[in-house]
Amino acid sequence: MPGLESIRAEEFLGVDSAVFRQKMANEAGYSEFRALQLSDGTLRALAVLVALFQGRLGGKSETSMVGIEEPEVGLHPAAASIMLSAMLDASITTQVLATTHSADMLHTGD
């Protein structure tokens, strides 16, 4: 997400919710919005990326393997190749195990 400044947890209607802060393009201000305002695909992609790179977050996680089922689900087809690149990058420091039914994802990995 272009201009993403931060993500924080905040209570909303008795439940913890993620609040995103984004710098507005061509403006001096910021916009804040909750996870409920994002698509399921965007939230799932964020969750996969956090899982992949949690071992690099200040050295606080000793994750040795991450399993992901169908990482391309909910993504625009063009974004699937970006997710694959992120998985390959994460595999340098963490074992990544993924399942997919996507022929495009399998052929891109060749």
Protein backbone atom coordinates (compact mmCIF):
# COMPACT_ATOMS: atom_id res chain seq x y z
CA MET A 1 0.00 0.00 0.00
CA PRO A 2 1.65 3.20 -1.11
CA GLY A 3 2.19 5.70 1.68
CA LEU A 4 1.54 3.22 4.51
CA GLU A 5 3.03 4.81 7.64
CA SER A 6 2.00 2.45 10.43
CA ILE A 7 -0.31 -0.29 11.66
CA ARG A 8 -1.45 -0.40 15.27
CA ALA A 9 -3.91 -2.42 17.34
CA GLU A 10 -6.85 -0.57 18.85
CA GLU A 11 -9.99 -1.74 20.62
CA PHE A 12 -13.14 -1.26 18.53
CA LEU A 13 -16.54 -2.41 19.79
CA GLY A 14 -14.87 -4.67 22.35
CA VAL A 15 -12.57 -6.36 19.82
CA ASP A 16 -8.97 -5.65 18.88
CA SER A 17 -8.79 -4.16 15.40
CA ALA A 18 -5.90 -3.14 13.17
CA VAL A 19 -5.78 0.58 12.33
CA PHE A 20 -3.78 1.62 9.28
CA ARG A 21 -2.29 5.10 8.89
CA GLN A 22 -1.58 6.16 5.32
CA LYS A 23 -0.04 9.38 4.00
CA MET A 24 -2.31 10.84 1.38
CA ALA A 25 -0.77 11.36 -2.06
CA ASN A 26 -0.15 15.01 -2.96
CA GLU A 27 -1.48 16.13 0.44
CA ALA A 28 0.11 17.02 3.74
CA GLY A 29 -2.34 14.93 5.79
CA TYR A 30 -2.90 11.34 6.77
CA SER A 31 -5.87 9.01 6.60
CA GLU A 32 -6.65 6.29 9.11
CA PHE A 33 -8.83 3.30 8.42
CA ARG A 34 -9.63 -0.04 10.03
CA ALA A 35 -8.99 -3.54 8.76
CA LEU A 36 -12.74 -3.95 8.19
CA GLN A 37 -12.42 -1.40 5.38
CA LEU A 38 -9.87 -3.49 3.46
CA SER A 39 -10.55 -6.43 1.17
CA ASP A 40 -10.06 -9.97 2.43
CA GLY A 41 -7.32 -10.44 -0.17
CA THR A 42 -5.37 -7.44 1.11
CA LEU A 43 -5.62 -8.60 4.72
CA ARG A 44 -4.64 -12.15 3.79
CA ALA A 45 -1.63 -10.88 1.82
CA LEU A 46 -0.57 -8.78 4.82
CA ALA A 47 -0.90 -11.81 7.11
CA VAL A 48 1.20 -13.96 4.76
CA LEU A 49 3.90 -11.28 4.53
CA VAL A 50 4.01 -10.87 8.32
CA ALA A 51 4.32 -14.64 8.72
CA LEU A 52 7.10 -14.80 6.12
CA PHE A 53 9.18 -11.99 7.57
CA GLN A 54 8.49 -12.31 11.31
CA GLY A 55 11.98 -13.71 11.79
CA ARG A 56 13.46 -10.42 10.57
CA LEU A 57 11.39 -8.20 12.88
CA GLY A 58 14.05 -7.09 15.31
CA GLY A 59 15.31 -10.61 15.91
CA LYS A 60 12.46 -11.36 18.32
CA SER A 61 11.16 -14.43 16.49
CA GLU A 62 13.02 -17.65 15.96
CA THR A 63 10.62 -18.96 13.34
CA SER A 64 12.30 -21.73 11.39
CA MET A 65 9.45 -22.67 9.04
CA VAL A 66 6.32 -21.01 7.65
CA GLY A 67 3.56 -23.00 5.93
CA ILE A 68 1.22 -21.20 3.56
CA GLU A 69 -1.79 -22.72 1.87
CA GLU A 70 -2.52 -21.22 -1.54
CA PRO A 71 -0.68 -17.88 -1.14
CA GLU A 72 -2.24 -16.54 -4.34
CA VAL A 73 -5.85 -16.73 -3.06
CA GLY A 74 -7.54 -13.33 -3.08
CA LEU A 75 -4.69 -11.65 -4.95
CA HIS A 76 -4.81 -9.91 -8.30
CA PRO A 77 -2.96 -12.19 -10.77
CA ALA A 78 -0.22 -9.59 -11.20
CA ALA A 79 0.33 -9.51 -7.43
CA ALA A 80 0.83 -13.29 -7.26
CA SER A 81 4.30 -12.93 -8.79
CA ILE A 82 5.15 -10.31 -6.15
CA MET A 83 4.02 -12.73 -3.43
CA LEU A 84 6.19 -15.45 -4.96
CA SER A 85 9.17 -13.07 -4.93
CA ALA A 86 8.51 -12.33 -1.26
CA MET A 87 8.35 -16.06 -0.52
CA LEU A 88 11.68 -16.61 -2.28
CA ASP A 89 13.24 -13.70 -0.38
CA ALA A 90 11.95 -15.03 2.96
CA SER A 91 13.30 -18.49 2.13
CA ILE A 92 16.84 -17.14 2.56
CA THR A 93 16.37 -17.10 6.34
CA THR A 94 13.24 -19.21 6.93
CA GLN A 95 12.01 -22.46 5.44
CA VAL A 96 8.88 -21.75 3.37
CA LEU A 97 6.42 -24.54 2.58
CA ALA A 98 3.54 -23.61 0.28
CA THR A 99 0.71 -25.44 -1.47
CA THR A 100 -1.03 -24.18 -4.58
CA HIS A 101 -3.39 -25.17 -7.37
CA SER A 102 -2.19 -22.27 -9.51
CA ALA A 103 -0.37 -23.32 -12.67
CA ASP A 104 0.82 -19.72 -13.07
CA MET A 105 2.41 -19.76 -9.62
CA LEU A 106 4.15 -23.07 -10.36
CA HIS A 107 5.45 -21.97 -13.75
CA THR A 108 6.64 -18.61 -12.41
CA GLY A 109 8.80 -20.44 -9.90
CA ASP A 110 10.75 -22.26 -12.63
